[in-house]
Amino acid sequence: MKRAIPLLVAFLLLATAFAIPDRQAKAGSPKMMEFGTMIAVPRPYTGTTNAIRGVPGGGLPWVLSSAKGELSVSGKLEIMVNGLVLDPNDPGVPLALRGTNPIPAFRALVSCLSKDASGNPITVNVSTDPFPATTGPAVNGGGDAKIEAQVSLPEPCIAPIVFVTSPTGAWFAATGN
């Protein structure tokens, strides 16, 4: 009986050591951020004048029906946007384009505050490849996109902001409200 107890304890410790990493592997990478809303680019953030972390706003104001997504510590990024279209009520948007998405592809961009090799603060922006977006009026499903990508995040990645951008990198929507 005296031998059985140490063997049982050793067995339990060994079983626990193998079970914990297995549970972590099944759970995937921890979430860095999860969001249930984004804001479309409003005036005065259109264009290059008031860029956010070096990311210029789209040239015209946009609106957004809904957006949600998450970013994992490993850089896995998922975003669902619905109704990301040019502002239907802005007089600066050409009449024929109001309430529509004329862009057939979006990208995602993650902006992190980080540090360089010398320890100095820097902003690091990492972008995905383009993803298809539906074009046309929002009432017909225009401005919808599903973005799933893997990005290489800097270490550390402090205060991340997730943007939905044009193929050339101007932002149409960003995390926030």
C-alpha atoms as a PDB file:
ATOM      1  CA  MET A   1       0.000   0.000   0.000  1.00  0.00           C
ATOM      2  CA  LYS A   2       2.881   2.399   0.812  1.00  0.00           C
ATOM      3  CA  ARG A   3       4.261   1.936  -2.724  1.00  0.00           C
ATOM      4  CA  ALA A   4       0.888   2.430  -4.372  1.00  0.00           C
ATOM      5  CA  ILE A   5       0.379   5.956  -3.038  1.00  0.00           C
ATOM      6  CA  PRO A   6       3.609   7.457  -4.510  1.00  0.00           C
ATOM      7  CA  LEU A   7       2.911   5.683  -7.809  1.00  0.00           C
ATOM      8  CA  LEU A   8      -0.642   7.022  -7.852  1.00  0.00           C
ATOM      9  CA  VAL A   9       0.582  10.572  -7.094  1.00  0.00           C
ATOM     10  CA  ALA A  10       3.245  10.319  -9.824  1.00  0.00           C
ATOM     11  CA  PHE A  11       0.642   9.049 -12.297  1.00  0.00           C
ATOM     12  CA  LEU A  12      -1.762  11.895 -11.478  1.00  0.00           C
ATOM     13  CA  LEU A  13       0.965  14.529 -11.825  1.00  0.00           C
ATOM     14  CA  LEU A  14       2.058  13.080 -15.161  1.00  0.00           C
ATOM     15  CA  ALA A  15      -1.522  12.908 -16.444  1.00  0.00           C
ATOM     16  CA  THR A  16      -2.140  16.520 -15.394  1.00  0.00           C
ATOM     17  CA  ALA A  17       1.061  17.715 -17.080  1.00  0.00           C
ATOM     18  CA  PHE A  18      -0.063  16.247 -20.409  1.00  0.00           C
ATOM     19  CA  ALA A  19      -3.700  17.322 -20.082  1.00  0.00           C
ATOM     20  CA  ILE A  20      -3.073  21.060 -19.548  1.00  0.00           C
ATOM     21  CA  PRO A  21      -1.146  21.689 -22.799  1.00  0.00           C
ATOM     22  CA  ASP A  22      -3.711  19.607 -24.676  1.00  0.00           C
ATOM     23  CA  ARG A  23      -6.560  21.810 -23.419  1.00  0.00           C
ATOM     24  CA  GLN A  24      -4.640  24.946 -24.386  1.00  0.00           C
ATOM     25  CA  ALA A  25      -3.988  23.584 -27.876  1.00  0.00           C
ATOM     26  CA  LYS A  26      -7.693  22.874 -28.374  1.00  0.00           C
ATOM     27  CA  ALA A  27      -8.674  26.341 -27.154  1.00  0.00           C
ATOM     28  CA  GLY A  28      -6.427  28.036 -29.771  1.00  0.00           C
ATOM     29  CA  SER A  29      -4.531  31.252 -29.326  1.00  0.00           C
ATOM     30  CA  PRO A  30      -5.922  33.610 -26.653  1.00  0.00           C
ATOM     31  CA  LYS A  31      -7.867  36.623 -27.881  1.00  0.00           C
ATOM     32  CA  MET A  32      -6.035  39.916 -27.869  1.00  0.00           C
ATOM     33  CA  MET A  33      -9.240  41.773 -28.633  1.00  0.00           C
ATOM     34  CA  GLU A  34     -12.823  41.113 -29.585  1.00  0.00           C
ATOM     35  CA  PHE A  35     -15.118  43.797 -30.924  1.00  0.00           C
ATOM     36  CA  GLY A  36     -18.796  44.074 -31.748  1.00  0.00           C
ATOM     37  CA  THR A  37     -18.692  47.467 -33.413  1.00  0.00           C
ATOM     38  CA  MET A  38     -16.594  49.636 -35.697  1.00  0.00           C
ATOM     39  CA  ILE A  39     -16.973  53.220 -36.837  1.00  0.00           C
ATOM     40  CA  ALA A  40     -16.966  54.239 -40.494  1.00  0.00           C
ATOM     41  CA  VAL A  41     -14.702  57.102 -41.522  1.00  0.00           C
ATOM     42  CA  PRO A  42     -16.446  60.442 -40.801  1.00  0.00           C
ATOM     43  CA  ARG A  43     -15.384  63.936 -41.673  1.00  0.00           C
ATOM     44  CA  PRO A  44     -12.808  65.317 -40.613  1.00  0.00           C
ATOM     45  CA  TYR A  45     -10.923  62.004 -40.889  1.00  0.00           C
ATOM     46  CA  THR A  46     -11.317  61.648 -44.656  1.00  0.00           C
ATOM     47  CA  GLY A  47      -8.094  61.967 -46.627  1.00  0.00           C
ATOM     48  CA  THR A  48      -4.562  62.402 -45.337  1.00  0.00           C
ATOM     49  CA  THR A  49      -4.979  65.476 -43.123  1.00  0.00           C
ATOM     50  CA  ASN A  50      -6.063  63.615 -39.977  1.00  0.00           C
ATOM     51  CA  ALA A  51      -4.554  60.184 -40.529  1.00  0.00           C
ATOM     52  CA  ILE A  52      -4.696  57.796 -37.565  1.00  0.00           C
ATOM     53  CA  ARG A  53      -1.319  56.164 -36.836  1.00  0.00           C
ATOM     54  CA  GLY A  54      -0.232  56.975 -40.360  1.00  0.00           C
ATOM     55  CA  VAL A  55      -3.345  55.445 -41.952  1.00  0.00           C
ATOM     56  CA  PRO A  56      -5.253  58.000 -44.066  1.00  0.00           C
ATOM     57  CA  GLY A  57      -9.031  58.005 -44.152  1.00  0.00           C
ATOM     58  CA  GLY A  58     -10.974  57.156 -47.287  1.00  0.00           C
ATOM     59  CA  GLY A  59     -11.435  60.174 -49.549  1.00  0.00           C
ATOM     60  CA  LEU A  60     -15.169  60.406 -48.781  1.00  0.00           C
ATOM     61  CA  PRO A  61     -17.218  59.692 -45.632  1.00  0.00           C
ATOM     62  CA  TRP A  62     -18.581  56.155 -45.184  1.00  0.00           C
ATOM     63  CA  VAL A  63     -21.301  54.581 -43.023  1.00  0.00           C
ATOM     64  CA  LEU A  64     -21.562  51.061 -41.648  1.00  0.00           C
ATOM     65  CA  SER A  65     -24.539  48.891 -40.733  1.00  0.00           C
ATOM     66  CA  SER A  66     -22.632  46.475 -38.477  1.00  0.00           C
ATOM     67  CA  ALA A  67     -19.239  44.936 -37.833  1.00  0.00           C
ATOM     68  CA  LYS A  68     -17.700  42.431 -35.466  1.00  0.00           C
ATOM     69  CA  GLY A  69     -14.471  40.562 -35.186  1.00  0.00           C
ATOM     70  CA  GLU A  70     -11.577  39.317 -33.134  1.00  0.00           C
ATOM     71  CA  LEU A  71      -7.809  39.320 -33.133  1.00  0.00           C
ATOM     72  CA  SER A  72      -5.834  36.573 -31.417  1.00  0.00           C
ATOM     73  CA  VAL A  73      -2.419  36.921 -29.807  1.00  0.00           C
ATOM     74  CA  SER A  74      -1.018  34.738 -32.611  1.00  0.00           C
ATOM     75  CA  GLY A  75      -2.276  37.223 -35.246  1.00  0.00           C
ATOM     76  CA  LYS A  76      -5.378  35.382 -36.447  1.00  0.00           C
ATOM     77  CA  LEU A  77      -7.824  38.061 -37.569  1.00  0.00           C
ATOM     78  CA  GLU A  78     -11.525  37.658 -38.365  1.00  0.00           C
ATOM     79  CA  ILE A  79     -13.841  40.516 -39.341  1.00  0.00           C
ATOM     80  CA  MET A  80     -17.428  40.540 -40.607  1.00  0.00           C
ATOM     81  CA  VAL A  81     -18.689  43.845 -42.011  1.00  0.00           C
ATOM     82  CA  ASN A  82     -22.167  44.559 -43.314  1.00  0.00           C
ATOM     83  CA  GLY A  83     -23.294  47.622 -45.220  1.00  0.00           C
ATOM     84  CA  LEU A  84     -19.979  49.486 -45.420  1.00  0.00           C
ATOM     85  CA  VAL A  85     -20.957  52.110 -48.010  1.00  0.00           C
ATOM     86  CA  LEU A  86     -20.407  55.743 -48.909  1.00  0.00           C
ATOM     87  CA  ASP A  87     -22.455  58.084 -46.743  1.00  0.00           C
ATOM     88  CA  PRO A  88     -25.886  58.460 -48.370  1.00  0.00           C
ATOM     89  CA  ASN A  89     -26.497  61.817 -46.651  1.00  0.00           C
ATOM     90  CA  ASP A  90     -23.201  63.590 -47.309  1.00  0.00           C
ATOM     91  CA  PRO A  91     -23.499  66.277 -50.015  1.00  0.00           C
ATOM     92  CA  GLY A  92     -19.788  65.776 -50.854  1.00  0.00           C
ATOM     93  CA  VAL A  93     -20.467  62.220 -52.057  1.00  0.00           C
ATOM     94  CA  PRO A  94     -21.521  62.146 -55.727  1.00  0.00           C
ATOM     95  CA  LEU A  95     -25.242  61.443 -55.967  1.00  0.00           C
ATOM     96  CA  ALA A  96     -24.784  58.239 -58.000  1.00  0.00           C
ATOM     97  CA  LEU A  97     -22.438  56.790 -55.323  1.00  0.00           C
ATOM     98  CA  ARG A  98     -24.396  57.653 -52.175  1.00  0.00           C
ATOM     99  CA  GLY A  99     -25.272  54.567 -50.142  1.00  0.00           C
ATOM    100  CA  THR A 100     -23.158  52.253 -52.328  1.00  0.00           C
ATOM    101  CA  ASN A 101     -19.865  50.434 -52.099  1.00  0.00           C
ATOM    102  CA  PRO A 102     -17.922  50.998 -55.338  1.00  0.00           C
ATOM    103  CA  ILE A 103     -14.849  49.054 -54.100  1.00  0.00           C
ATOM    104  CA  PRO A 104     -14.766  45.298 -54.980  1.00  0.00           C
ATOM    105  CA  ALA A 105     -12.164  44.378 -52.353  1.00  0.00           C
ATOM    106  CA  PHE A 106     -11.251  45.415 -48.817  1.00  0.00           C
ATOM    107  CA  ARG A 107      -8.146  44.772 -46.744  1.00  0.00           C
ATOM    108  CA  ALA A 108      -7.716  44.660 -42.993  1.00  0.00           C
ATOM    109  CA  LEU A 109      -4.930  46.482 -41.214  1.00  0.00           C
ATOM    110  CA  VAL A 110      -3.834  46.069 -37.600  1.00  0.00           C
ATOM    111  CA  SER A 111      -1.996  48.996 -36.025  1.00  0.00           C
ATOM    112  CA  CYS A 112       0.056  48.377 -32.872  1.00  0.00           C
ATOM    113  CA  LEU A 113       2.199  50.579 -30.697  1.00  0.00           C
ATOM    114  CA  SER A 114       5.465  48.717 -30.189  1.00  0.00           C
ATOM    115  CA  LYS A 115       9.199  49.327 -29.820  1.00  0.00           C
ATOM    116  CA  ASP A 116      12.190  49.111 -32.114  1.00  0.00           C
ATOM    117  CA  ALA A 117      15.427  47.175 -31.481  1.00  0.00           C
ATOM    118  CA  SER A 118      16.750  50.088 -29.395  1.00  0.00           C
ATOM    119  CA  GLY A 119      13.624  50.203 -27.244  1.00  0.00           C
ATOM    120  CA  ASN A 120      12.225  53.376 -28.833  1.00  0.00           C
ATOM    121  CA  PRO A 121       8.445  53.637 -29.340  1.00  0.00           C
ATOM    122  CA  ILE A 122       7.162  52.960 -32.855  1.00  0.00           C
ATOM    123  CA  THR A 123       3.864  52.330 -34.643  1.00  0.00           C
ATOM    124  CA  VAL A 124       3.698  49.096 -36.625  1.00  0.00           C
ATOM    125  CA  ASN A 125       0.928  48.653 -39.219  1.00  0.00           C
ATOM    126  CA  VAL A 126       0.411  45.192 -40.723  1.00  0.00           C
ATOM    127  CA  SER A 127      -2.021  44.597 -43.572  1.00  0.00           C
ATOM    128  CA  THR A 128      -3.770  41.585 -45.079  1.00  0.00           C
ATOM    129  CA  ASP A 129      -4.178  40.660 -48.722  1.00  0.00           C
ATOM    130  CA  PRO A 130      -7.398  41.904 -50.364  1.00  0.00           C
ATOM    131  CA  PHE A 131     -10.700  40.149 -49.623  1.00  0.00           C
ATOM    132  CA  PRO A 132     -13.806  40.315 -51.830  1.00  0.00           C
ATOM    133  CA  ALA A 133     -16.474  42.841 -50.908  1.00  0.00           C
ATOM    134  CA  THR A 134     -19.938  43.101 -52.380  1.00  0.00           C
ATOM    135  CA  THR A 135     -20.487  46.209 -54.476  1.00  0.00           C
ATOM    136  CA  GLY A 136     -23.629  48.210 -55.020  1.00  0.00           C
ATOM    137  CA  PRO A 137     -26.210  49.700 -52.652  1.00  0.00           C
ATOM    138  CA  ALA A 138     -26.379  48.546 -49.034  1.00  0.00           C
ATOM    139  CA  VAL A 139     -30.068  47.700 -49.494  1.00  0.00           C
ATOM    140  CA  ASN A 140     -28.964  45.073 -52.035  1.00  0.00           C
ATOM    141  CA  GLY A 141     -26.165  43.701 -49.842  1.00  0.00           C
ATOM    142  CA  GLY A 142     -23.449  46.119 -50.941  1.00  0.00           C
ATOM    143  CA  GLY A 143     -20.532  46.690 -48.585  1.00  0.00           C
ATOM    144  CA  ASP A 144     -20.481  43.190 -47.045  1.00  0.00           C
ATOM    145  CA  ALA A 145     -17.217  41.322 -46.514  1.00  0.00           C
ATOM    146  CA  LYS A 146     -15.754  38.517 -44.460  1.00  0.00           C
ATOM    147  CA  ILE A 147     -12.062  38.854 -43.742  1.00  0.00           C
ATOM    148  CA  GLU A 148     -10.105  35.912 -42.331  1.00  0.00           C
ATOM    149  CA  ALA A 149      -6.338  36.259 -42.274  1.00  0.00           C
ATOM    150  CA  GLN A 150      -3.133  35.672 -40.379  1.00  0.00           C
ATOM    151  CA  VAL A 151      -0.983  38.752 -39.703  1.00  0.00           C
ATOM    152  CA  SER A 152       2.472  38.988 -38.137  1.00  0.00           C
ATOM    153  CA  LEU A 153       2.055  41.120 -35.033  1.00  0.00           C
ATOM    154  CA  PRO A 154       5.022  42.937 -33.508  1.00  0.00           C
ATOM    155  CA  GLU A 155       6.167  42.096 -30.005  1.00  0.00           C
ATOM    156  CA  PRO A 156       4.792  43.827 -28.044  1.00  0.00           C
ATOM    157  CA  CYS A 157       1.520  44.850 -29.706  1.00  0.00           C
ATOM    158  CA  ILE A 158       0.078  47.568 -27.468  1.00  0.00           C
ATOM    159  CA  ALA A 159      -3.317  49.239 -27.979  1.00  0.00           C
ATOM    160  CA  PRO A 160      -4.197  47.569 -31.290  1.00  0.00           C
ATOM    161  CA  ILE A 161      -6.599  49.260 -33.693  1.00  0.00           C
ATOM    162  CA  VAL A 162      -8.201  47.184 -36.447  1.00  0.00           C
ATOM    163  CA  PHE A 163      -9.071  48.953 -39.697  1.00  0.00           C
ATOM    164  CA  VAL A 164     -11.005  47.889 -42.791  1.00  0.00           C
ATOM    165  CA  THR A 165      -9.257  49.623 -45.680  1.00  0.00           C
ATOM    166  CA  SER A 166      -9.262  50.089 -49.413  1.00  0.00           C
ATOM    167  CA  PRO A 167      -6.825  47.955 -51.434  1.00  0.00           C
ATOM    168  CA  THR A 168      -4.415  50.931 -51.298  1.00  0.00           C
ATOM    169  CA  GLY A 169      -4.656  51.316 -47.507  1.00  0.00           C
ATOM    170  CA  ALA A 170      -7.092  54.199 -46.835  1.00  0.00           C
ATOM    171  CA  TRP A 171      -9.369  53.291 -43.940  1.00  0.00           C
ATOM    172  CA  PHE A 172     -13.138  52.972 -44.297  1.00  0.00           C
ATOM    173  CA  ALA A 173     -13.902  51.571 -40.823  1.00  0.00           C
ATOM    174  CA  ALA A 174     -11.971  51.225 -37.562  1.00  0.00           C
ATOM    175  CA  THR A 175     -12.493  49.685 -34.150  1.00  0.00           C
ATOM    176  CA  GLY A 176     -14.199  52.179 -31.913  1.00  0.00           C
ATOM    177  CA  ASN A 177     -17.615  53.699 -31.656  1.00  0.00           C
END
